[in-house]
Amino acid sequence: MNVLVACEYSGIVRNAFRNRGHDAWSCDLLPSEDNSPYHRMADCFDVLHEGACFRPSCCPWDLVIAHPPCTDLCNSGSRWWSMKKASGVQEQSVQFFLLLTEIKCKWAIENPVGIMSTRYRKPDQIIQPWQFGHGETKATCLWLNGLPKLEPSNIVPGREPRIHKMSPSPDRWKERSRTYTGIAQAMAEQWG
């Protein structure tokens, strides 16, 4: 299966699919953390519109998993929404998300609980890391097109809000946006 993981710099979801034998690629405006040759440092829409011709197989995508930036969309940043609305920044983020819903293949869009539940539609599913082997909480919404809901693969005890309690730092946003490996493996196993 030809898989594009859009807006992913970590390679966690890409690698989960590659480890299961899929032709999976990631793209982001940031370089890949693992220096993978299967990462494009580019706008995801440029990669989608290229028709995937940078890949040897030159086939269209069968599945796109997108992680659009959530800074302007998630409830945890709602105290700044009025400022973001006034500047137009939030609307740009909403439109970016909505463009992803127009992709003409199977897709999943991941984002925290936030404004897209009212601007687009309610998510098909809300998952937690503790359902996939990580004893933590971090409600994550999934909007799905042509895909089944993820089934919990490893329910574990512990409900620590580690992400919420992270100390301020220059890289806090990167750590907060990283996909849990158990969730990535479930995506690859169940959607691949």
N, C-alpha and C. Protein backbone atom coordinates (compact mmCIF):
# COMPACT_ATOMS: atom_id res chain seq x y z
N MET A 1 0.86 -1.17 0.00
CA MET A 1 0.00 0.00 0.00
C MET A 1 0.91 1.24 0.00
N ASN A 2 0.52 2.26 -0.76
CA ASN A 2 1.24 3.52 -0.82
C ASN A 2 0.63 4.48 0.19
N VAL A 3 1.43 4.87 1.19
CA VAL A 3 0.93 5.64 2.32
C VAL A 3 1.72 6.94 2.44
N LEU A 4 1.01 8.04 2.59
CA LEU A 4 1.64 9.33 2.89
C LEU A 4 1.20 9.75 4.28
N VAL A 5 2.18 10.06 5.12
CA VAL A 5 1.90 10.59 6.45
C VAL A 5 2.26 12.07 6.39
N ALA A 6 1.23 12.89 6.32
CA ALA A 6 1.40 14.34 6.12
C ALA A 6 1.58 15.04 7.45
N CYS A 7 2.44 16.04 7.45
CA CYS A 7 2.71 16.86 8.64
C CYS A 7 3.31 16.00 9.75
N GLU A 8 4.26 15.15 9.40
CA GLU A 8 4.94 14.32 10.40
C GLU A 8 6.44 14.46 10.21
N TYR A 9 7.13 14.98 11.22
CA TYR A 9 8.58 15.12 11.19
C TYR A 9 9.27 13.96 11.93
N SER A 10 8.53 13.29 12.83
CA SER A 10 9.16 12.27 13.68
C SER A 10 9.39 10.95 12.96
N GLY A 11 8.56 10.62 12.00
CA GLY A 11 8.67 9.35 11.28
C GLY A 11 8.05 8.17 12.01
N ILE A 12 7.40 8.42 13.14
CA ILE A 12 6.85 7.32 13.94
C ILE A 12 5.75 6.56 13.19
N VAL A 13 4.81 7.27 12.60
CA VAL A 13 3.73 6.60 11.86
C VAL A 13 4.28 6.03 10.55
N ARG A 14 5.10 6.81 9.85
CA ARG A 14 5.72 6.31 8.62
C ARG A 14 6.45 4.99 8.86
N ASN A 15 7.28 4.96 9.90
CA ASN A 15 8.06 3.75 10.19
C ASN A 15 7.18 2.56 10.58
N ALA A 16 6.07 2.82 11.27
CA ALA A 16 5.16 1.73 11.63
C ALA A 16 4.62 1.06 10.37
N PHE A 17 4.28 1.85 9.36
CA PHE A 17 3.78 1.29 8.10
C PHE A 17 4.91 0.63 7.31
N ARG A 18 6.08 1.24 7.26
CA ARG A 18 7.21 0.65 6.53
C ARG A 18 7.61 -0.68 7.16
N ASN A 19 7.56 -0.76 8.49
CA ASN A 19 7.92 -2.00 9.17
C ASN A 19 6.96 -3.14 8.83
N ARG A 20 5.79 -2.80 8.33
CA ARG A 20 4.80 -3.82 7.93
C ARG A 20 4.82 -4.03 6.42
N GLY A 21 5.82 -3.47 5.74
CA GLY A 21 6.01 -3.73 4.31
C GLY A 21 5.34 -2.75 3.36
N HIS A 22 4.81 -1.65 3.87
CA HIS A 22 4.14 -0.68 3.00
C HIS A 22 5.13 0.35 2.47
N ASP A 23 4.82 0.92 1.32
CA ASP A 23 5.62 2.00 0.74
C ASP A 23 5.15 3.30 1.36
N ALA A 24 5.63 3.57 2.56
CA ALA A 24 5.16 4.72 3.34
C ALA A 24 6.20 5.83 3.34
N TRP A 25 5.69 7.06 3.19
CA TRP A 25 6.51 8.26 3.17
C TRP A 25 5.92 9.28 4.13
N SER A 26 6.76 10.13 4.65
CA SER A 26 6.29 11.25 5.46
C SER A 26 6.70 12.55 4.78
N CYS A 27 5.98 13.61 5.12
CA CYS A 27 6.37 14.94 4.65
C CYS A 27 6.02 15.96 5.72
N ASP A 28 6.82 16.99 5.78
CA ASP A 28 6.61 18.06 6.75
C ASP A 28 7.47 19.23 6.30
N LEU A 29 7.17 20.41 6.83
CA LEU A 29 8.02 21.56 6.56
C LEU A 29 9.34 21.47 7.32
N LEU A 30 9.37 20.59 8.32
CA LEU A 30 10.58 20.34 9.10
C LEU A 30 11.32 19.12 8.54
N PRO A 31 12.62 19.05 8.76
CA PRO A 31 13.34 17.84 8.36
C PRO A 31 12.94 16.67 9.26
N SER A 32 13.15 15.48 8.77
CA SER A 32 12.85 14.28 9.54
C SER A 32 13.84 14.13 10.69
N GLU A 33 13.34 13.76 11.85
CA GLU A 33 14.21 13.54 13.01
C GLU A 33 15.17 12.38 12.80
N ASP A 34 14.75 11.39 12.03
CA ASP A 34 15.59 10.21 11.85
C ASP A 34 16.38 10.23 10.54
N ASN A 35 16.41 11.39 9.87
CA ASN A 35 17.15 11.55 8.60
C ASN A 35 16.78 10.49 7.57
N SER A 36 15.54 10.08 7.57
CA SER A 36 15.09 9.03 6.68
C SER A 36 15.08 9.48 5.22
N PRO A 37 15.46 8.58 4.32
CA PRO A 37 15.32 8.88 2.90
C PRO A 37 13.86 8.82 2.44
N TYR A 38 12.96 8.40 3.34
CA TYR A 38 11.54 8.28 3.02
C TYR A 38 10.74 9.47 3.56
N HIS A 39 11.41 10.60 3.67
CA HIS A 39 10.78 11.84 4.16
C HIS A 39 11.04 12.96 3.16
N ARG A 40 9.98 13.70 2.87
CA ARG A 40 10.11 14.89 2.02
C ARG A 40 9.93 16.12 2.89
N MET A 41 10.87 17.04 2.86
CA MET A 41 10.72 18.31 3.55
C MET A 41 10.01 19.24 2.57
N ALA A 42 8.69 19.24 2.66
CA ALA A 42 7.87 19.96 1.69
C ALA A 42 6.47 20.15 2.24
N ASP A 43 5.74 21.05 1.62
CA ASP A 43 4.33 21.24 1.92
C ASP A 43 3.57 19.98 1.50
N CYS A 44 2.70 19.48 2.35
CA CYS A 44 2.00 18.23 2.04
C CYS A 44 1.16 18.32 0.77
N PHE A 45 0.62 19.50 0.47
CA PHE A 45 -0.20 19.62 -0.73
C PHE A 45 0.66 19.57 -1.99
N ASP A 46 1.90 20.05 -1.90
CA ASP A 46 2.81 19.90 -3.04
C ASP A 46 3.09 18.42 -3.28
N VAL A 47 3.32 17.66 -2.22
CA VAL A 47 3.59 16.23 -2.34
C VAL A 47 2.35 15.51 -2.89
N LEU A 48 1.18 15.85 -2.37
CA LEU A 48 -0.05 15.22 -2.87
C LEU A 48 -0.28 15.53 -4.35
N HIS A 49 -0.02 16.77 -4.75
CA HIS A 49 -0.28 17.17 -6.14
C HIS A 49 0.79 16.72 -7.12
N GLU A 50 1.95 16.33 -6.62
CA GLU A 50 2.99 15.80 -7.50
C GLU A 50 2.59 14.46 -8.08
N GLY A 51 1.55 13.87 -7.53
CA GLY A 51 1.17 12.54 -7.97
C GLY A 51 2.15 11.49 -7.47
N ALA A 52 2.89 11.85 -6.45
CA ALA A 52 3.84 10.93 -5.81
C ALA A 52 4.97 10.52 -6.73
N CYS A 53 5.32 11.32 -7.72
CA CYS A 53 6.32 10.92 -8.69
C CYS A 53 7.75 10.95 -8.17
N PHE A 54 7.95 11.36 -6.94
CA PHE A 54 9.30 11.27 -6.37
C PHE A 54 9.61 9.85 -5.91
N ARG A 55 8.58 9.00 -5.85
CA ARG A 55 8.78 7.62 -5.43
C ARG A 55 9.05 6.75 -6.65
N PRO A 56 9.86 5.73 -6.49
CA PRO A 56 10.17 4.87 -7.64
C PRO A 56 8.94 4.25 -8.29
N SER A 57 7.94 3.91 -7.49
CA SER A 57 6.77 3.24 -8.06
C SER A 57 5.85 4.20 -8.80
N CYS A 58 5.94 5.49 -8.50
CA CYS A 58 5.16 6.53 -9.18
C CYS A 58 3.66 6.22 -9.22
N CYS A 59 3.12 5.71 -8.12
CA CYS A 59 1.70 5.39 -8.01
C CYS A 59 0.98 6.42 -7.15
N PRO A 60 -0.32 6.54 -7.29
CA PRO A 60 -1.05 7.45 -6.39
C PRO A 60 -1.09 6.88 -4.97
N TRP A 61 -1.44 7.72 -4.04
CA TRP A 61 -1.53 7.30 -2.64
C TRP A 61 -2.79 6.47 -2.42
N ASP A 62 -2.66 5.42 -1.64
CA ASP A 62 -3.81 4.62 -1.25
C ASP A 62 -4.39 5.12 0.07
N LEU A 63 -3.52 5.70 0.91
CA LEU A 63 -3.92 6.15 2.23
C LEU A 63 -3.10 7.37 2.61
N VAL A 64 -3.77 8.38 3.17
CA VAL A 64 -3.10 9.56 3.71
C VAL A 64 -3.50 9.68 5.17
N ILE A 65 -2.51 9.78 6.03
CA ILE A 65 -2.74 10.05 7.45
C ILE A 65 -2.15 11.42 7.72
N ALA A 66 -2.99 12.35 8.12
CA ALA A 66 -2.55 13.75 8.27
C ALA A 66 -2.61 14.19 9.73
N HIS A 67 -1.59 14.92 10.12
CA HIS A 67 -1.48 15.48 11.46
C HIS A 67 -1.35 17.00 11.33
N PRO A 68 -2.41 17.70 10.91
CA PRO A 68 -2.26 19.14 10.71
C PRO A 68 -1.92 19.86 12.02
N PRO A 69 -1.17 20.95 11.92
CA PRO A 69 -0.81 21.69 13.14
C PRO A 69 -2.06 22.07 13.94
N CYS A 70 -1.98 21.85 15.25
CA CYS A 70 -3.16 22.03 16.09
C CYS A 70 -3.11 23.30 16.93
N THR A 71 -2.01 24.03 16.89
CA THR A 71 -1.82 25.19 17.77
C THR A 71 -3.01 26.15 17.75
N ASP A 72 -3.57 26.39 16.58
CA ASP A 72 -4.66 27.36 16.45
C ASP A 72 -6.04 26.72 16.54
N LEU A 73 -6.10 25.39 16.69
CA LEU A 73 -7.37 24.67 16.62
C LEU A 73 -7.79 23.99 17.92
N CYS A 74 -6.84 23.66 18.78
CA CYS A 74 -7.16 22.83 19.94
C CYS A 74 -7.68 23.64 21.13
N ASN A 75 -8.51 22.97 21.92
CA ASN A 75 -9.12 23.62 23.08
C ASN A 75 -8.10 24.11 24.09
N SER A 76 -6.94 23.46 24.18
CA SER A 76 -5.95 23.89 25.16
C SER A 76 -5.44 25.31 24.87
N GLY A 77 -5.60 25.76 23.65
CA GLY A 77 -5.19 27.13 23.30
C GLY A 77 -6.36 28.08 23.13
N SER A 78 -7.53 27.70 23.64
CA SER A 78 -8.74 28.51 23.41
C SER A 78 -8.66 29.92 24.01
N ARG A 79 -7.84 30.10 25.02
CA ARG A 79 -7.75 31.45 25.61
C ARG A 79 -7.18 32.46 24.61
N TRP A 80 -6.51 31.98 23.54
CA TRP A 80 -5.95 32.88 22.53
C TRP A 80 -6.81 32.93 21.25
N TRP A 81 -7.94 32.22 21.24
CA TRP A 81 -8.73 32.15 20.02
C TRP A 81 -9.19 33.52 19.53
N SER A 82 -9.60 34.41 20.42
CA SER A 82 -10.10 35.72 19.95
C SER A 82 -8.99 36.47 19.22
N MET A 83 -7.77 36.41 19.73
CA MET A 83 -6.64 37.06 19.07
C MET A 83 -6.35 36.38 17.73
N LYS A 84 -6.42 35.04 17.69
CA LYS A 84 -6.14 34.30 16.47
C LYS A 84 -7.23 34.51 15.42
N LYS A 85 -8.47 34.66 15.89
CA LYS A 85 -9.56 34.96 14.96
C LYS A 85 -9.35 36.33 14.34
N ALA A 86 -9.04 37.31 15.16
CA ALA A 86 -8.85 38.69 14.68
C ALA A 86 -7.72 38.79 13.67
N SER A 87 -6.66 38.02 13.88
CA SER A 87 -5.51 38.09 12.97
C SER A 87 -5.70 37.24 11.72
N GLY A 88 -6.70 36.36 11.71
CA GLY A 88 -6.93 35.48 10.57
C GLY A 88 -6.13 34.18 10.63
N VAL A 89 -5.27 34.04 11.63
CA VAL A 89 -4.42 32.85 11.76
C VAL A 89 -5.26 31.60 11.97
N GLN A 90 -6.28 31.70 12.82
CA GLN A 90 -7.11 30.53 13.08
C GLN A 90 -7.84 30.08 11.81
N GLU A 91 -8.35 31.02 11.06
CA GLU A 91 -9.07 30.67 9.83
C GLU A 91 -8.16 29.98 8.82
N GLN A 92 -6.91 30.41 8.75
CA GLN A 92 -5.94 29.73 7.86
C GLN A 92 -5.77 28.27 8.28
N SER A 93 -5.68 28.04 9.58
CA SER A 93 -5.53 26.67 10.08
C SER A 93 -6.77 25.84 9.82
N VAL A 94 -7.95 26.45 9.97
CA VAL A 94 -9.20 25.75 9.68
C VAL A 94 -9.24 25.36 8.20
N GLN A 95 -8.89 26.29 7.31
CA GLN A 95 -8.92 26.01 5.88
C GLN A 95 -7.92 24.94 5.48
N PHE A 96 -6.75 24.93 6.12
CA PHE A 96 -5.75 23.89 5.88
C PHE A 96 -6.34 22.52 6.22
N PHE A 97 -6.96 22.42 7.39
CA PHE A 97 -7.61 21.17 7.82
C PHE A 97 -8.69 20.77 6.80
N LEU A 98 -9.53 21.71 6.42
CA LEU A 98 -10.63 21.39 5.50
C LEU A 98 -10.13 20.93 4.14
N LEU A 99 -9.01 21.48 3.67
CA LEU A 99 -8.44 21.02 2.40
C LEU A 99 -8.04 19.55 2.48
N LEU A 100 -7.57 19.14 3.64
CA LEU A 100 -7.19 17.73 3.81
C LEU A 100 -8.39 16.80 3.68
N THR A 101 -9.58 17.28 4.01
CA THR A 101 -10.78 16.44 3.92
C THR A 101 -11.22 16.21 2.47
N GLU A 102 -10.61 16.91 1.53
CA GLU A 102 -10.95 16.78 0.11
C GLU A 102 -10.08 15.78 -0.63
N ILE A 103 -9.14 15.16 0.06
CA ILE A 103 -8.26 14.18 -0.57
C ILE A 103 -9.11 13.02 -1.09
N LYS A 104 -8.82 12.56 -2.30
CA LYS A 104 -9.64 11.54 -2.97
C LYS A 104 -9.09 10.13 -2.78
N CYS A 105 -8.83 9.76 -1.55
CA CYS A 105 -8.46 8.38 -1.22
C CYS A 105 -8.86 8.15 0.23
N LYS A 106 -8.52 7.00 0.77
CA LYS A 106 -8.77 6.78 2.19
C LYS A 106 -7.88 7.73 2.98
N TRP A 107 -8.44 8.31 4.05
CA TRP A 107 -7.63 9.20 4.87
C TRP A 107 -8.09 9.20 6.32
N ALA A 108 -7.14 9.61 7.16
CA ALA A 108 -7.41 9.86 8.58
C ALA A 108 -6.76 11.19 8.91
N ILE A 109 -7.48 12.03 9.62
CA ILE A 109 -6.93 13.30 10.11
C ILE A 109 -6.96 13.25 11.62
N GLU A 110 -5.82 13.52 12.23
CA GLU A 110 -5.64 13.45 13.68
C GLU A 110 -5.47 14.87 14.21
N ASN A 111 -6.13 15.18 15.32
CA ASN A 111 -6.00 16.47 15.97
C ASN A 111 -6.59 16.36 17.37
N PRO A 112 -6.13 17.20 18.30
CA PRO A 112 -6.73 17.19 19.63
C PRO A 112 -8.18 17.69 19.60
N VAL A 113 -8.86 17.56 20.71
CA VAL A 113 -10.21 18.11 20.84
C VAL A 113 -10.11 19.62 20.62
N GLY A 114 -10.99 20.14 19.78
CA GLY A 114 -10.92 21.57 19.49
C GLY A 114 -12.03 22.06 18.58
N ILE A 115 -11.73 23.11 17.87
CA ILE A 115 -12.72 23.85 17.08
C ILE A 115 -13.23 23.07 15.86
N MET A 116 -12.47 22.08 15.36
CA MET A 116 -12.90 21.38 14.15
C MET A 116 -14.14 20.53 14.36
N SER A 117 -14.48 20.25 15.61
CA SER A 117 -15.72 19.52 15.89
C SER A 117 -16.95 20.34 15.53
N THR A 118 -16.80 21.67 15.53
CA THR A 118 -17.91 22.54 15.13
C THR A 118 -17.71 23.13 13.74
N ARG A 119 -16.47 23.39 13.34
CA ARG A 119 -16.22 23.98 12.03
C ARG A 119 -16.32 22.95 10.90
N TYR A 120 -16.04 21.69 11.20
CA TYR A 120 -16.14 20.63 10.19
C TYR A 120 -17.25 19.66 10.60
N ARG A 121 -16.95 18.77 11.48
CA ARG A 121 -17.94 17.84 12.04
C ARG A 121 -17.30 17.17 13.25
N LYS A 122 -18.12 16.50 14.02
CA LYS A 122 -17.60 15.76 15.16
C LYS A 122 -16.65 14.67 14.65
N PRO A 123 -15.62 14.35 15.42
CA PRO A 123 -14.71 13.29 14.96
C PRO A 123 -15.42 11.94 14.96
N ASP A 124 -14.90 11.04 14.16
CA ASP A 124 -15.45 9.68 14.12
C ASP A 124 -15.08 8.91 15.39
N GLN A 125 -13.97 9.33 16.01
CA GLN A 125 -13.48 8.59 17.16
C GLN A 125 -12.56 9.48 17.99
N ILE A 126 -12.57 9.26 19.30
CA ILE A 126 -11.59 9.89 20.19
C ILE A 126 -10.86 8.76 20.90
N ILE A 127 -9.54 8.74 20.74
CA ILE A 127 -8.73 7.67 21.33
C ILE A 127 -7.84 8.24 22.43
N GLN A 128 -7.31 7.33 23.25
CA GLN A 128 -6.40 7.69 24.34
C GLN A 128 -5.16 6.79 24.25
N PRO A 129 -4.00 7.31 24.64
CA PRO A 129 -2.77 6.48 24.62
C PRO A 129 -2.89 5.20 25.44
N TRP A 130 -3.62 5.25 26.58
CA TRP A 130 -3.72 4.06 27.43
C TRP A 130 -4.46 2.91 26.76
N GLN A 131 -5.13 3.18 25.65
CA GLN A 131 -5.79 2.11 24.89
C GLN A 131 -4.81 1.37 23.98
N PHE A 132 -3.58 1.92 23.88
CA PHE A 132 -2.59 1.39 22.93
C PHE A 132 -1.22 1.18 23.58
N GLY A 133 -1.23 0.88 24.89
CA GLY A 133 0.00 0.50 25.56
C GLY A 133 0.75 1.58 26.31
N HIS A 134 0.22 2.78 26.39
CA HIS A 134 0.89 3.89 27.07
C HIS A 134 0.00 4.35 28.23
N GLY A 135 0.49 4.31 29.45
CA GLY A 135 -0.32 4.65 30.61
C GLY A 135 -0.51 6.14 30.80
N GLU A 136 -0.99 6.79 29.78
CA GLU A 136 -1.15 8.25 29.80
C GLU A 136 -2.48 8.65 29.18
N THR A 137 -2.87 9.89 29.46
CA THR A 137 -4.06 10.45 28.84
C THR A 137 -3.64 11.53 27.85
N LYS A 138 -4.31 11.56 26.74
CA LYS A 138 -4.17 12.62 25.74
C LYS A 138 -5.27 12.36 24.72
N ALA A 139 -6.43 12.95 24.95
CA ALA A 139 -7.56 12.72 24.04
C ALA A 139 -7.17 13.18 22.63
N THR A 140 -7.31 12.25 21.68
CA THR A 140 -6.93 12.52 20.31
C THR A 140 -8.10 12.17 19.40
N CYS A 141 -8.53 13.15 18.62
CA CYS A 141 -9.66 12.96 17.70
C CYS A 141 -9.17 12.40 16.38
N LEU A 142 -9.96 11.51 15.80
CA LEU A 142 -9.70 10.97 14.47
C LEU A 142 -10.92 11.21 13.59
N TRP A 143 -10.71 11.88 12.48
CA TRP A 143 -11.73 12.01 11.45
C TRP A 143 -11.32 11.03 10.37
N LEU A 144 -12.24 10.18 9.93
CA LEU A 144 -11.92 9.08 9.04
C LEU A 144 -12.71 9.12 7.75
N ASN A 145 -12.07 8.71 6.66
CA ASN A 145 -12.73 8.56 5.38
C ASN A 145 -12.31 7.21 4.79
N GLY A 146 -13.27 6.28 4.74
CA GLY A 146 -13.01 4.96 4.17
C GLY A 146 -12.22 4.03 5.07
N LEU A 147 -12.06 4.39 6.33
CA LEU A 147 -11.30 3.59 7.29
C LEU A 147 -12.17 3.22 8.48
N PRO A 148 -11.93 2.06 9.08
CA PRO A 148 -12.66 1.70 10.30
C PRO A 148 -12.07 2.44 11.50
N LYS A 149 -12.84 2.52 12.56
CA LYS A 149 -12.33 3.07 13.81
C LYS A 149 -11.20 2.17 14.31
N LEU A 150 -10.23 2.78 14.97
CA LEU A 150 -9.15 1.99 15.57
C LEU A 150 -9.67 1.22 16.77
N GLU A 151 -9.37 -0.05 16.82
CA GLU A 151 -9.72 -0.88 17.97
C GLU A 151 -8.58 -0.81 18.98
N PRO A 152 -8.87 -0.62 20.26
CA PRO A 152 -7.80 -0.63 21.26
C PRO A 152 -6.99 -1.92 21.14
N SER A 153 -5.66 -1.78 21.18
CA SER A 153 -4.79 -2.94 20.97
C SER A 153 -4.06 -3.39 22.23
N ASN A 154 -3.99 -2.51 23.24
CA ASN A 154 -3.26 -2.88 24.46
C ASN A 154 -3.68 -1.94 25.59
N ILE A 155 -4.81 -2.22 26.20
CA ILE A 155 -5.30 -1.38 27.30
C ILE A 155 -4.43 -1.61 28.52
N VAL A 156 -3.87 -0.53 29.04
CA VAL A 156 -2.98 -0.62 30.20
C VAL A 156 -3.48 0.28 31.32
N PRO A 157 -3.09 -0.02 32.57
CA PRO A 157 -3.46 0.85 33.68
C PRO A 157 -2.63 2.14 33.63
N GLY A 158 -3.05 3.10 34.41
CA GLY A 158 -2.34 4.37 34.45
C GLY A 158 -3.05 5.41 33.62
N ARG A 159 -3.23 6.55 34.17
CA ARG A 159 -3.92 7.63 33.47
C ARG A 159 -3.19 8.94 33.75
N GLU A 160 -1.89 8.97 33.49
CA GLU A 160 -1.06 10.12 33.78
C GLU A 160 -1.14 11.14 32.65
N PRO A 161 -1.49 12.38 32.95
CA PRO A 161 -1.53 13.41 31.90
C PRO A 161 -0.14 14.03 31.66
N ARG A 162 0.83 13.20 31.27
CA ARG A 162 2.22 13.64 31.09
C ARG A 162 2.35 14.80 30.11
N ILE A 163 1.67 14.73 29.01
CA ILE A 163 1.76 15.78 27.99
C ILE A 163 1.28 17.11 28.56
N HIS A 164 0.18 17.08 29.29
CA HIS A 164 -0.39 18.29 29.87
C HIS A 164 0.57 18.92 30.89
N LYS A 165 1.32 18.08 31.60
CA LYS A 165 2.19 18.56 32.67
C LYS A 165 3.60 18.94 32.20
N MET A 166 3.88 18.87 30.91
CA MET A 166 5.22 19.19 30.43
C MET A 166 5.61 20.62 30.79
N SER A 167 6.84 20.79 31.21
CA SER A 167 7.35 22.12 31.53
C SER A 167 7.52 22.93 30.26
N PRO A 168 7.42 24.24 30.38
CA PRO A 168 7.68 25.09 29.22
C PRO A 168 9.12 24.89 28.71
N SER A 169 9.26 24.85 27.41
CA SER A 169 10.58 24.74 26.79
C SER A 169 10.43 25.10 25.31
N PRO A 170 11.54 25.39 24.64
CA PRO A 170 11.45 25.71 23.21
C PRO A 170 10.92 24.55 22.36
N ASP A 171 11.14 23.31 22.81
CA ASP A 171 10.70 22.13 22.04
C ASP A 171 9.44 21.49 22.58
N ARG A 172 8.75 22.14 23.49
CA ARG A 172 7.54 21.56 24.08
C ARG A 172 6.51 21.21 23.02
N TRP A 173 6.32 22.09 22.06
CA TRP A 173 5.34 21.84 21.00
C TRP A 173 5.68 20.58 20.21
N LYS A 174 6.98 20.32 19.98
CA LYS A 174 7.37 19.12 19.24
C LYS A 174 7.08 17.86 20.05
N GLU A 175 7.38 17.91 21.32
CA GLU A 175 7.13 16.75 22.18
C GLU A 175 5.63 16.48 22.32
N ARG A 176 4.84 17.54 22.40
CA ARG A 176 3.39 17.38 22.54
C ARG A 176 2.76 16.82 21.27
N SER A 177 3.37 17.07 20.13
CA SER A 177 2.76 16.64 18.86
C SER A 177 3.21 15.25 18.42
N ARG A 178 4.15 14.65 19.10
CA ARG A 178 4.67 13.34 18.72
C ARG A 178 3.60 12.25 18.91
N THR A 179 3.44 11.40 17.90
CA THR A 179 2.49 10.29 17.96
C THR A 179 3.05 9.18 18.83
N TYR A 180 2.22 8.61 19.67
CA TYR A 180 2.63 7.47 20.50
C TYR A 180 2.86 6.26 19.60
N THR A 181 3.94 5.51 19.87
CA THR A 181 4.27 4.36 19.02
C THR A 181 3.17 3.31 19.00
N GLY A 182 2.50 3.10 20.13
CA GLY A 182 1.41 2.11 20.17
C GLY A 182 0.25 2.49 19.25
N ILE A 183 -0.05 3.78 19.17
CA ILE A 183 -1.11 4.26 18.27
C ILE A 183 -0.66 4.08 16.82
N ALA A 184 0.60 4.43 16.53
CA ALA A 184 1.13 4.28 15.17
C ALA A 184 1.10 2.81 14.73
N GLN A 185 1.48 1.91 15.63
CA GLN A 185 1.46 0.48 15.30
C GLN A 185 0.04 -0.01 15.06
N ALA A 186 -0.92 0.47 15.85
CA ALA A 186 -2.32 0.08 15.63
C ALA A 186 -2.81 0.59 14.28
N MET A 187 -2.43 1.80 13.91
CA MET A 187 -2.82 2.32 12.59
C MET A 187 -2.28 1.42 11.49
N ALA A 188 -1.00 1.07 11.58
CA ALA A 188 -0.38 0.24 10.55
C ALA A 188 -1.01 -1.15 10.49
N GLU A 189 -1.27 -1.75 11.65
CA GLU A 189 -1.85 -3.08 11.70
C GLU A 189 -3.30 -3.10 11.21
N GLN A 190 -4.07 -2.08 11.61
CA GLN A 190 -5.51 -2.10 11.33
C GLN A 190 -5.88 -1.41 10.02
N TRP A 191 -5.12 -0.44 9.59
CA TRP A 191 -5.43 0.27 8.35
C TRP A 191 -4.57 -0.16 7.19
N GLY A 192 -3.47 -0.86 7.50
CA GLY A 192 -2.57 -1.32 6.43
C GLY A 192 -3.01 -2.64 5.89
